[in-house]
Amino acid sequence: MPERRFQLIVGLGNPGEAYRLTRHNVGFRVVDRLAYRHRILLDKRKFGVVFGLGEMDGRSVILAKPMTFMNLSGPPIRKVAHFFNLDQKDLLVIHDDIDLVFGKIKIKQKGGDGGHNGVKSLIEAFGSGAFARIRIGIGRPRTNQEVKEYVLNRFDAQQEAVVDKVITMAQDAVETILLKGLTEGMNQFSRKEIGQK
């Protein structure tokens, strides 16, 4: 009987209620919504990662959120991957991106960290950036606000209504990637944008 192989779907963010609705935590929010949609309990904790095992559209998945702070995300996720005998090709990372227009998502097969500390930590832990990711655009600050302050603040009320739709779009993108592959996911979602009304 062949070994059951999982897809490891990781949302990046910071732990704690104070950070839950910040721009930097949209990756966590996508994983939470995927868990709810597919009835996967995030009820396990190992290596500083909260995760749940289940199925999405017939595919075995692990939904995971590292409970370290963002810039230390890599080592615990690498340990979970090793525990389940997975490598970078089994990894799909969901994270915020200030260089992407707000309301847009982009799927990448691999790449650098783009200045994102969580992605940088993953690249350092795995030894390369050869893992897929879904980037969720949060845009850049329109004022002289520091980037760190900007990503650790919440969306305004108008943006939050858009974010809800973007999270749904990101969920759909994950499901498309699982069922039809990364290329199809790129084709379907990398041109879509949900603008502010």
N, C-alpha and C. Protein backbone atom coordinates (compact mmCIF):
# COMPACT_ATOMS: atom_id res chain seq x y z
N MET A 1 0.84 -1.19 0.00
CA MET A 1 0.00 0.00 0.00
C MET A 1 0.89 1.25 0.00
N PRO A 2 0.67 2.20 -0.95
CA PRO A 2 1.53 3.38 -1.02
C PRO A 2 1.36 4.28 0.20
N GLU A 3 2.45 4.94 0.56
CA GLU A 3 2.42 5.84 1.71
C GLU A 3 1.52 7.04 1.40
N ARG A 4 0.71 7.41 2.37
CA ARG A 4 -0.15 8.59 2.20
C ARG A 4 0.73 9.84 2.19
N ARG A 5 0.58 10.64 1.15
CA ARG A 5 1.41 11.84 1.03
C ARG A 5 0.54 13.09 1.18
N PHE A 6 1.00 14.03 1.96
CA PHE A 6 0.25 15.24 2.25
C PHE A 6 0.77 16.42 1.43
N GLN A 7 -0.11 17.38 1.23
CA GLN A 7 0.31 18.70 0.79
C GLN A 7 0.33 19.58 2.05
N LEU A 8 1.45 20.22 2.30
CA LEU A 8 1.60 21.07 3.49
C LEU A 8 1.27 22.51 3.11
N ILE A 9 0.14 23.01 3.60
CA ILE A 9 -0.33 24.35 3.29
C ILE A 9 -0.11 25.23 4.51
N VAL A 10 0.75 26.22 4.37
CA VAL A 10 1.20 27.03 5.50
C VAL A 10 0.74 28.47 5.32
N GLY A 11 0.05 28.99 6.32
CA GLY A 11 -0.26 30.41 6.37
C GLY A 11 0.73 31.10 7.30
N LEU A 12 1.25 32.24 6.86
CA LEU A 12 2.20 32.98 7.70
C LEU A 12 1.48 34.10 8.45
N GLY A 13 1.97 34.37 9.65
CA GLY A 13 1.39 35.42 10.48
C GLY A 13 2.10 35.47 11.81
N ASN A 14 1.57 36.28 12.70
CA ASN A 14 2.08 36.37 14.06
C ASN A 14 1.03 35.83 15.03
N PRO A 15 1.45 35.12 16.06
CA PRO A 15 0.48 34.55 17.01
C PRO A 15 -0.08 35.62 17.96
N GLY A 16 -1.27 35.36 18.47
CA GLY A 16 -1.84 36.23 19.48
C GLY A 16 -2.98 37.08 18.94
N GLU A 17 -3.92 37.36 19.81
CA GLU A 17 -5.12 38.11 19.43
C GLU A 17 -4.79 39.52 18.93
N ALA A 18 -3.75 40.13 19.47
CA ALA A 18 -3.39 41.49 19.08
C ALA A 18 -3.03 41.60 17.60
N TYR A 19 -2.57 40.50 17.02
CA TYR A 19 -2.14 40.51 15.62
C TYR A 19 -3.16 39.90 14.66
N ARG A 20 -4.24 39.36 15.18
CA ARG A 20 -5.13 38.51 14.38
C ARG A 20 -5.63 39.17 13.11
N LEU A 21 -5.99 40.43 13.18
CA LEU A 21 -6.59 41.10 12.02
C LEU A 21 -5.63 42.08 11.35
N THR A 22 -4.35 41.96 11.61
CA THR A 22 -3.38 42.86 10.98
C THR A 22 -3.09 42.42 9.55
N ARG A 23 -2.51 43.33 8.80
CA ARG A 23 -2.18 43.03 7.39
C ARG A 23 -1.23 41.84 7.28
N HIS A 24 -0.32 41.74 8.23
CA HIS A 24 0.69 40.68 8.18
C HIS A 24 0.10 39.29 8.41
N ASN A 25 -1.16 39.22 8.84
CA ASN A 25 -1.74 37.94 9.23
C ASN A 25 -2.75 37.38 8.23
N VAL A 26 -2.77 37.89 7.02
CA VAL A 26 -3.76 37.37 6.07
C VAL A 26 -3.50 35.90 5.74
N GLY A 27 -2.25 35.47 5.82
CA GLY A 27 -1.95 34.05 5.59
C GLY A 27 -2.63 33.16 6.62
N PHE A 28 -2.55 33.55 7.88
CA PHE A 28 -3.26 32.83 8.95
C PHE A 28 -4.75 32.77 8.66
N ARG A 29 -5.31 33.90 8.23
CA ARG A 29 -6.75 33.98 8.02
C ARG A 29 -7.21 33.07 6.89
N VAL A 30 -6.40 32.93 5.85
CA VAL A 30 -6.75 32.01 4.76
C VAL A 30 -6.77 30.57 5.27
N VAL A 31 -5.75 30.19 6.05
CA VAL A 31 -5.70 28.84 6.60
C VAL A 31 -6.88 28.57 7.53
N ASP A 32 -7.23 29.55 8.36
CA ASP A 32 -8.38 29.39 9.25
C ASP A 32 -9.67 29.16 8.46
N ARG A 33 -9.82 29.90 7.38
CA ARG A 33 -11.03 29.76 6.57
C ARG A 33 -11.04 28.45 5.79
N LEU A 34 -9.89 28.01 5.33
CA LEU A 34 -9.80 26.70 4.68
C LEU A 34 -10.19 25.60 5.66
N ALA A 35 -9.69 25.72 6.88
CA ALA A 35 -10.00 24.73 7.91
C ALA A 35 -11.51 24.68 8.16
N TYR A 36 -12.13 25.84 8.23
CA TYR A 36 -13.57 25.91 8.46
C TYR A 36 -14.35 25.32 7.28
N ARG A 37 -13.96 25.70 6.08
CA ARG A 37 -14.67 25.25 4.88
C ARG A 37 -14.61 23.74 4.73
N HIS A 38 -13.45 23.16 5.06
CA HIS A 38 -13.24 21.72 4.83
C HIS A 38 -13.33 20.91 6.12
N ARG A 39 -13.77 21.54 7.19
CA ARG A 39 -13.98 20.85 8.47
C ARG A 39 -12.72 20.13 8.95
N ILE A 40 -11.62 20.84 8.88
CA ILE A 40 -10.35 20.33 9.37
C ILE A 40 -10.03 21.03 10.69
N LEU A 41 -9.91 20.28 11.75
CA LEU A 41 -9.62 20.86 13.06
C LEU A 41 -8.13 21.18 13.19
N LEU A 42 -7.84 22.42 13.52
CA LEU A 42 -6.45 22.80 13.80
C LEU A 42 -6.19 22.51 15.27
N ASP A 43 -6.12 21.22 15.57
CA ASP A 43 -6.11 20.77 16.97
C ASP A 43 -4.82 20.08 17.38
N LYS A 44 -3.80 20.16 16.54
CA LYS A 44 -2.53 19.52 16.88
C LYS A 44 -1.45 20.58 17.03
N ARG A 45 -0.50 20.29 17.89
CA ARG A 45 0.61 21.22 18.08
C ARG A 45 1.90 20.44 18.23
N LYS A 46 2.86 20.79 17.40
CA LYS A 46 4.15 20.12 17.43
C LYS A 46 5.19 21.08 16.87
N PHE A 47 6.37 21.10 17.48
CA PHE A 47 7.47 21.94 17.01
C PHE A 47 7.11 23.43 16.96
N GLY A 48 6.15 23.86 17.78
CA GLY A 48 5.75 25.27 17.74
C GLY A 48 4.85 25.61 16.57
N VAL A 49 4.16 24.61 16.02
CA VAL A 49 3.24 24.81 14.90
C VAL A 49 1.87 24.26 15.28
N VAL A 50 0.83 25.04 15.06
CA VAL A 50 -0.54 24.56 15.19
C VAL A 50 -0.97 24.05 13.82
N PHE A 51 -1.51 22.82 13.76
CA PHE A 51 -1.86 22.27 12.46
C PHE A 51 -3.00 21.28 12.57
N GLY A 52 -3.55 20.92 11.44
CA GLY A 52 -4.61 19.93 11.36
C GLY A 52 -4.45 19.10 10.11
N LEU A 53 -4.82 17.83 10.20
CA LEU A 53 -4.76 16.90 9.06
C LEU A 53 -6.16 16.62 8.56
N GLY A 54 -6.30 16.56 7.26
CA GLY A 54 -7.61 16.28 6.70
C GLY A 54 -7.55 16.13 5.19
N GLU A 55 -8.71 16.31 4.58
CA GLU A 55 -8.79 16.21 3.12
C GLU A 55 -9.47 17.43 2.55
N MET A 56 -8.98 17.86 1.40
CA MET A 56 -9.60 18.92 0.63
C MET A 56 -9.79 18.40 -0.78
N ASP A 57 -11.04 18.24 -1.15
CA ASP A 57 -11.37 17.76 -2.50
C ASP A 57 -10.64 16.45 -2.82
N GLY A 58 -10.57 15.56 -1.83
CA GLY A 58 -9.97 14.25 -2.04
C GLY A 58 -8.46 14.21 -1.88
N ARG A 59 -7.83 15.35 -1.62
CA ARG A 59 -6.39 15.40 -1.44
C ARG A 59 -6.04 15.51 0.03
N SER A 60 -5.07 14.73 0.47
CA SER A 60 -4.63 14.78 1.86
C SER A 60 -3.82 16.06 2.09
N VAL A 61 -4.19 16.79 3.13
CA VAL A 61 -3.51 18.05 3.39
C VAL A 61 -3.18 18.21 4.88
N ILE A 62 -2.18 19.03 5.12
CA ILE A 62 -1.88 19.53 6.46
C ILE A 62 -2.02 21.04 6.37
N LEU A 63 -2.91 21.61 7.16
CA LEU A 63 -3.03 23.05 7.27
C LEU A 63 -2.23 23.48 8.50
N ALA A 64 -1.34 24.45 8.32
CA ALA A 64 -0.41 24.77 9.40
C ALA A 64 -0.21 26.27 9.58
N LYS A 65 -0.01 26.65 10.86
CA LYS A 65 0.31 28.03 11.22
C LYS A 65 1.44 28.00 12.25
N PRO A 66 2.61 28.51 11.90
CA PRO A 66 3.70 28.56 12.89
C PRO A 66 3.37 29.56 13.99
N MET A 67 3.57 29.15 15.22
CA MET A 67 3.25 29.99 16.37
C MET A 67 4.45 30.77 16.89
N THR A 68 5.53 30.71 16.16
CA THR A 68 6.65 31.62 16.43
C THR A 68 6.28 32.96 15.79
N PHE A 69 7.05 33.98 16.03
CA PHE A 69 6.79 35.22 15.31
C PHE A 69 7.29 35.08 13.88
N MET A 70 6.81 36.00 13.03
CA MET A 70 6.99 35.88 11.58
C MET A 70 8.42 35.57 11.16
N ASN A 71 9.39 36.29 11.70
CA ASN A 71 10.77 36.13 11.23
C ASN A 71 11.43 34.83 11.71
N LEU A 72 10.68 34.00 12.45
CA LEU A 72 11.19 32.70 12.90
C LEU A 72 10.32 31.55 12.38
N SER A 73 9.56 31.80 11.31
CA SER A 73 8.62 30.81 10.79
C SER A 73 9.28 29.56 10.22
N GLY A 74 10.47 29.71 9.65
CA GLY A 74 11.09 28.64 8.89
C GLY A 74 11.42 27.37 9.66
N PRO A 75 12.21 27.45 10.74
CA PRO A 75 12.62 26.23 11.44
C PRO A 75 11.46 25.33 11.89
N PRO A 76 10.39 25.87 12.52
CA PRO A 76 9.31 24.97 12.92
C PRO A 76 8.59 24.31 11.75
N ILE A 77 8.41 25.04 10.65
CA ILE A 77 7.76 24.44 9.48
C ILE A 77 8.66 23.38 8.86
N ARG A 78 9.96 23.63 8.85
CA ARG A 78 10.90 22.62 8.34
C ARG A 78 10.82 21.35 9.19
N LYS A 79 10.67 21.49 10.49
CA LYS A 79 10.57 20.31 11.37
C LYS A 79 9.29 19.53 11.11
N VAL A 80 8.18 20.25 10.90
CA VAL A 80 6.92 19.56 10.59
C VAL A 80 7.03 18.82 9.25
N ALA A 81 7.61 19.48 8.27
CA ALA A 81 7.80 18.84 6.96
C ALA A 81 8.64 17.58 7.10
N HIS A 82 9.73 17.66 7.85
CA HIS A 82 10.60 16.51 8.05
C HIS A 82 9.86 15.39 8.78
N PHE A 83 9.07 15.74 9.76
CA PHE A 83 8.31 14.75 10.53
C PHE A 83 7.38 13.94 9.63
N PHE A 84 6.77 14.61 8.64
CA PHE A 84 5.85 13.93 7.72
C PHE A 84 6.54 13.49 6.43
N ASN A 85 7.87 13.54 6.41
CA ASN A 85 8.66 13.11 5.26
C ASN A 85 8.30 13.90 4.00
N LEU A 86 8.16 15.19 4.16
CA LEU A 86 7.81 16.07 3.05
C LEU A 86 9.00 16.98 2.72
N ASP A 87 8.99 17.51 1.51
CA ASP A 87 10.02 18.48 1.13
C ASP A 87 9.38 19.69 0.47
N GLN A 88 10.19 20.52 -0.18
CA GLN A 88 9.68 21.79 -0.69
C GLN A 88 8.59 21.63 -1.75
N LYS A 89 8.64 20.56 -2.51
CA LYS A 89 7.62 20.39 -3.56
C LYS A 89 6.24 20.11 -2.97
N ASP A 90 6.20 19.76 -1.70
CA ASP A 90 4.92 19.50 -1.02
C ASP A 90 4.41 20.73 -0.26
N LEU A 91 5.11 21.84 -0.39
CA LEU A 91 4.83 23.03 0.42
C LEU A 91 4.13 24.10 -0.41
N LEU A 92 3.07 24.68 0.16
CA LEU A 92 2.39 25.83 -0.42
C LEU A 92 2.23 26.87 0.69
N VAL A 93 2.85 28.01 0.51
CA VAL A 93 2.90 29.06 1.53
C VAL A 93 2.00 30.22 1.14
N ILE A 94 1.22 30.71 2.08
CA ILE A 94 0.32 31.83 1.84
C ILE A 94 0.76 33.00 2.71
N HIS A 95 1.03 34.14 2.08
CA HIS A 95 1.56 35.27 2.85
C HIS A 95 1.16 36.60 2.24
N ASP A 96 1.24 37.65 3.04
CA ASP A 96 0.98 39.01 2.58
C ASP A 96 2.16 39.52 1.76
N ASP A 97 1.89 40.52 0.91
CA ASP A 97 2.95 41.08 0.07
C ASP A 97 2.68 42.56 -0.16
N ILE A 98 3.58 43.42 0.33
CA ILE A 98 3.39 44.86 0.16
C ILE A 98 3.68 45.32 -1.26
N ASP A 99 4.40 44.53 -2.04
CA ASP A 99 4.73 44.92 -3.41
C ASP A 99 3.66 44.51 -4.41
N LEU A 100 2.58 43.93 -3.92
CA LEU A 100 1.47 43.53 -4.77
C LEU A 100 0.28 44.43 -4.45
N VAL A 101 -0.40 44.85 -5.49
CA VAL A 101 -1.54 45.76 -5.34
C VAL A 101 -2.57 45.18 -4.38
N PHE A 102 -3.11 46.02 -3.52
CA PHE A 102 -4.15 45.58 -2.60
C PHE A 102 -5.35 45.04 -3.40
N GLY A 103 -5.85 43.87 -2.97
CA GLY A 103 -6.98 43.26 -3.65
C GLY A 103 -6.60 42.25 -4.71
N LYS A 104 -5.30 42.01 -4.87
CA LYS A 104 -4.83 41.08 -5.90
C LYS A 104 -4.06 39.93 -5.25
N ILE A 105 -4.12 38.75 -5.85
CA ILE A 105 -3.25 37.67 -5.40
C ILE A 105 -2.38 37.22 -6.58
N LYS A 106 -1.26 36.65 -6.25
CA LYS A 106 -0.35 36.14 -7.28
C LYS A 106 0.24 34.82 -6.81
N ILE A 107 0.27 33.86 -7.70
CA ILE A 107 0.80 32.53 -7.40
C ILE A 107 2.18 32.40 -8.03
N LYS A 108 3.13 31.96 -7.25
CA LYS A 108 4.50 31.78 -7.74
C LYS A 108 4.95 30.35 -7.47
N GLN A 109 5.73 29.81 -8.39
CA GLN A 109 6.25 28.46 -8.23
C GLN A 109 7.45 28.43 -7.30
N LYS A 110 8.24 29.51 -7.33
CA LYS A 110 9.43 29.60 -6.48
C LYS A 110 9.91 31.05 -6.53
N GLY A 111 10.98 31.36 -5.82
CA GLY A 111 11.51 32.71 -5.87
C GLY A 111 12.25 33.10 -4.62
N GLY A 112 12.56 34.40 -4.54
CA GLY A 112 13.25 34.94 -3.38
C GLY A 112 12.27 35.36 -2.31
N ASP A 113 12.78 36.09 -1.32
CA ASP A 113 11.91 36.46 -0.19
C ASP A 113 11.17 37.77 -0.42
N GLY A 114 11.61 38.58 -1.39
CA GLY A 114 10.94 39.84 -1.67
C GLY A 114 10.88 40.77 -0.48
N GLY A 115 11.81 40.62 0.46
CA GLY A 115 11.82 41.46 1.65
C GLY A 115 10.87 41.01 2.74
N HIS A 116 10.24 39.84 2.56
CA HIS A 116 9.29 39.33 3.55
C HIS A 116 10.04 38.43 4.53
N ASN A 117 10.03 38.80 5.81
CA ASN A 117 10.83 38.08 6.80
C ASN A 117 10.40 36.64 7.02
N GLY A 118 9.10 36.37 6.92
CA GLY A 118 8.63 35.00 7.07
C GLY A 118 9.10 34.10 5.94
N VAL A 119 9.01 34.62 4.72
CA VAL A 119 9.49 33.86 3.55
C VAL A 119 11.01 33.69 3.62
N LYS A 120 11.70 34.73 4.06
CA LYS A 120 13.15 34.65 4.22
C LYS A 120 13.54 33.54 5.18
N SER A 121 12.81 33.44 6.28
CA SER A 121 13.08 32.41 7.28
C SER A 121 12.84 31.02 6.70
N LEU A 122 11.80 30.86 5.90
CA LEU A 122 11.53 29.57 5.26
C LEU A 122 12.64 29.20 4.28
N ILE A 123 13.08 30.17 3.48
CA ILE A 123 14.16 29.91 2.52
C ILE A 123 15.43 29.48 3.24
N GLU A 124 15.74 30.16 4.34
CA GLU A 124 16.94 29.80 5.12
C GLU A 124 16.80 28.40 5.71
N ALA A 125 15.61 28.06 6.19
CA ALA A 125 15.40 26.76 6.83
C ALA A 125 15.44 25.61 5.83
N PHE A 126 14.85 25.82 4.64
CA PHE A 126 14.80 24.76 3.64
C PHE A 126 16.00 24.75 2.69
N GLY A 127 16.78 25.83 2.71
CA GLY A 127 17.98 25.87 1.89
C GLY A 127 17.78 26.47 0.51
N SER A 128 16.54 26.78 0.15
CA SER A 128 16.26 27.45 -1.13
C SER A 128 14.82 27.95 -1.12
N GLY A 129 14.49 28.70 -2.15
CA GLY A 129 13.13 29.22 -2.28
C GLY A 129 12.30 28.43 -3.27
N ALA A 130 12.61 27.15 -3.42
CA ALA A 130 11.93 26.31 -4.42
C ALA A 130 10.62 25.74 -3.88
N PHE A 131 9.79 26.61 -3.33
CA PHE A 131 8.46 26.18 -2.87
C PHE A 131 7.42 27.15 -3.42
N ALA A 132 6.22 26.64 -3.63
CA ALA A 132 5.14 27.45 -4.18
C ALA A 132 4.59 28.38 -3.12
N ARG A 133 4.08 29.52 -3.58
CA ARG A 133 3.47 30.45 -2.64
C ARG A 133 2.32 31.21 -3.29
N ILE A 134 1.37 31.59 -2.45
CA ILE A 134 0.30 32.48 -2.87
C ILE A 134 0.53 33.80 -2.15
N ARG A 135 0.81 34.83 -2.93
CA ARG A 135 1.06 36.16 -2.38
C ARG A 135 -0.25 36.95 -2.37
N ILE A 136 -0.56 37.55 -1.26
CA ILE A 136 -1.78 38.33 -1.13
C ILE A 136 -1.40 39.80 -1.01
N GLY A 137 -1.83 40.59 -1.98
CA GLY A 137 -1.45 41.99 -2.03
C GLY A 137 -2.08 42.82 -0.93
N ILE A 138 -1.24 43.54 -0.19
CA ILE A 138 -1.75 44.47 0.81
C ILE A 138 -1.37 45.91 0.45
N GLY A 139 -0.61 46.07 -0.64
CA GLY A 139 -0.21 47.40 -1.07
C GLY A 139 0.79 48.04 -0.11
N ARG A 140 1.35 49.15 -0.55
CA ARG A 140 2.30 49.88 0.29
C ARG A 140 1.60 51.04 1.00
N PRO A 141 2.17 51.49 2.12
CA PRO A 141 1.56 52.65 2.80
C PRO A 141 1.56 53.87 1.90
N ARG A 142 0.49 54.65 1.97
CA ARG A 142 0.37 55.84 1.13
C ARG A 142 1.04 57.05 1.77
N THR A 143 1.44 56.92 3.00
CA THR A 143 2.06 58.03 3.73
C THR A 143 3.51 57.66 4.02
N ASN A 144 4.13 58.40 4.92
CA ASN A 144 5.51 58.11 5.32
C ASN A 144 5.60 57.03 6.41
N GLN A 145 4.50 56.33 6.63
CA GLN A 145 4.45 55.30 7.66
C GLN A 145 5.49 54.22 7.41
N GLU A 146 6.18 53.81 8.46
CA GLU A 146 7.17 52.74 8.34
C GLU A 146 6.49 51.44 7.93
N VAL A 147 7.19 50.64 7.13
CA VAL A 147 6.62 49.39 6.64
C VAL A 147 6.24 48.47 7.80
N LYS A 148 7.12 48.38 8.80
CA LYS A 148 6.83 47.50 9.94
C LYS A 148 5.54 47.91 10.64
N GLU A 149 5.37 49.22 10.85
CA GLU A 149 4.16 49.71 11.49
C GLU A 149 2.94 49.44 10.61
N TYR A 150 3.11 49.63 9.31
CA TYR A 150 2.01 49.42 8.36
C TYR A 150 1.51 47.98 8.37
N VAL A 151 2.42 47.01 8.28
CA VAL A 151 1.99 45.61 8.20
C VAL A 151 1.43 45.10 9.52
N LEU A 152 1.80 45.75 10.63
CA LEU A 152 1.31 45.32 11.93
C LEU A 152 0.05 46.08 12.36
N ASN A 153 -0.48 46.91 11.46
CA ASN A 153 -1.75 47.58 11.70
C ASN A 153 -2.87 46.86 10.96
N ARG A 154 -4.10 47.15 11.37
CA ARG A 154 -5.27 46.53 10.74
C ARG A 154 -5.66 47.25 9.46
N PHE A 155 -6.40 46.55 8.63
CA PHE A 155 -7.03 47.18 7.48
C PHE A 155 -8.11 48.14 7.99
N ASP A 156 -8.38 49.20 7.21
CA ASP A 156 -9.50 50.05 7.59
C ASP A 156 -10.81 49.35 7.21
N ALA A 157 -11.93 49.94 7.61
CA ALA A 157 -13.23 49.27 7.43
C ALA A 157 -13.53 49.00 5.96
N GLN A 158 -13.21 49.93 5.09
CA GLN A 158 -13.46 49.76 3.66
C GLN A 158 -12.60 48.63 3.10
N GLN A 159 -11.34 48.61 3.51
CA GLN A 159 -10.44 47.55 3.04
C GLN A 159 -10.86 46.18 3.57
N GLU A 160 -11.34 46.13 4.80
CA GLU A 160 -11.69 44.86 5.41
C GLU A 160 -12.78 44.14 4.62
N ALA A 161 -13.72 44.90 4.06
CA ALA A 161 -14.77 44.30 3.23
C ALA A 161 -14.17 43.66 1.98
N VAL A 162 -13.12 44.27 1.45
CA VAL A 162 -12.43 43.72 0.28
C VAL A 162 -11.60 42.50 0.68
N VAL A 163 -10.93 42.60 1.84
CA VAL A 163 -10.08 41.49 2.31
C VAL A 163 -10.87 40.20 2.43
N ASP A 164 -12.10 40.31 2.90
CA ASP A 164 -12.94 39.13 3.03
C ASP A 164 -13.09 38.41 1.68
N LYS A 165 -13.27 39.17 0.61
CA LYS A 165 -13.40 38.59 -0.72
C LYS A 165 -12.06 38.05 -1.22
N VAL A 166 -10.98 38.73 -0.88
CA VAL A 166 -9.65 38.27 -1.29
C VAL A 166 -9.31 36.95 -0.61
N ILE A 167 -9.67 36.81 0.67
CA ILE A 167 -9.43 35.55 1.38
C ILE A 167 -10.20 34.41 0.72
N THR A 168 -11.44 34.68 0.33
CA THR A 168 -12.22 33.67 -0.40
C THR A 168 -11.54 33.31 -1.72
N MET A 169 -11.03 34.31 -2.42
CA MET A 169 -10.33 34.06 -3.68
C MET A 169 -9.08 33.22 -3.45
N ALA A 170 -8.35 33.50 -2.38
CA ALA A 170 -7.16 32.72 -2.05
C ALA A 170 -7.52 31.27 -1.71
N GLN A 171 -8.63 31.08 -0.99
CA GLN A 171 -9.10 29.72 -0.71
C GLN A 171 -9.37 28.97 -2.02
N ASP A 172 -10.07 29.62 -2.93
CA ASP A 172 -10.38 29.00 -4.22
C ASP A 172 -9.10 28.66 -4.98
N ALA A 173 -8.10 29.53 -4.86
CA ALA A 173 -6.82 29.29 -5.55
C ALA A 173 -6.12 28.06 -4.99
N VAL A 174 -6.14 27.90 -3.65
CA VAL A 174 -5.54 26.71 -3.04
C VAL A 174 -6.22 25.45 -3.58
N GLU A 175 -7.53 25.46 -3.61
CA GLU A 175 -8.28 24.29 -4.08
C GLU A 175 -7.99 23.99 -5.55
N THR A 176 -7.87 25.03 -6.37
CA THR A 176 -7.55 24.84 -7.78
C THR A 176 -6.17 24.23 -7.94
N ILE A 177 -5.20 24.71 -7.15
CA ILE A 177 -3.84 24.17 -7.21
C ILE A 177 -3.83 22.69 -6.83
N LEU A 178 -4.58 22.34 -5.79
CA LEU A 178 -4.63 20.94 -5.36
C LEU A 178 -5.25 20.04 -6.41
N LEU A 179 -6.31 20.51 -7.05
CA LEU A 179 -7.05 19.68 -8.01
C LEU A 179 -6.45 19.69 -9.41
N LYS A 180 -5.97 20.87 -9.84
CA LYS A 180 -5.59 21.02 -11.25
C LYS A 180 -4.14 21.42 -11.46
N GLY A 181 -3.43 21.69 -10.38
CA GLY A 181 -2.02 22.00 -10.51
C GLY A 181 -1.71 23.48 -10.43
N LEU A 182 -0.43 23.76 -10.24
CA LEU A 182 0.04 25.13 -10.03
C LEU A 182 -0.16 26.00 -11.27
N THR A 183 0.11 25.46 -12.43
CA THR A 183 -0.02 26.25 -13.66
C THR A 183 -1.45 26.71 -13.87
N GLU A 184 -2.40 25.82 -13.65
CA GLU A 184 -3.81 26.19 -13.79
C GLU A 184 -4.19 27.24 -12.75
N GLY A 185 -3.65 27.10 -11.54
CA GLY A 185 -3.90 28.11 -10.52
C GLY A 185 -3.39 29.48 -10.94
N MET A 186 -2.18 29.51 -11.50
CA MET A 186 -1.61 30.76 -11.99
C MET A 186 -2.50 31.37 -13.08
N ASN A 187 -2.91 30.53 -14.01
CA ASN A 187 -3.72 31.01 -15.13
C ASN A 187 -5.05 31.59 -14.66
N GLN A 188 -5.64 30.98 -13.67
CA GLN A 188 -6.98 31.41 -13.22
C GLN A 188 -6.96 32.62 -12.29
N PHE A 189 -5.93 32.73 -11.46
CA PHE A 189 -6.02 33.70 -10.36
C PHE A 189 -5.02 34.84 -10.41
N SER A 190 -3.94 34.70 -11.14
CA SER A 190 -2.92 35.74 -11.07
C SER A 190 -3.30 37.02 -11.81
N ARG A 191 -4.36 37.01 -12.55
CA ARG A 191 -4.80 38.23 -13.23
C ARG A 191 -6.02 38.85 -12.55
N LYS A 192 -6.58 38.17 -11.56
CA LYS A 192 -7.77 38.68 -10.91
C LYS A 192 -7.42 39.72 -9.85
N GLU A 193 -8.29 40.69 -9.73
CA GLU A 193 -8.09 41.72 -8.73
C GLU A 193 -9.45 42.15 -8.20
N ILE A 194 -9.54 42.28 -6.89
CA ILE A 194 -10.78 42.76 -6.26
C ILE A 194 -10.51 44.17 -5.78
N GLY A 195 -11.06 45.14 -6.46
CA GLY A 195 -10.79 46.54 -6.12
C GLY A 195 -11.72 47.07 -5.06
N GLN A 196 -11.36 48.19 -4.51
CA GLN A 196 -12.21 48.85 -3.52
C GLN A 196 -13.35 49.55 -4.24
N LYS A 197 -14.51 49.51 -3.62
CA LYS A 197 -15.68 50.17 -4.21
C LYS A 197 -15.68 51.64 -3.84
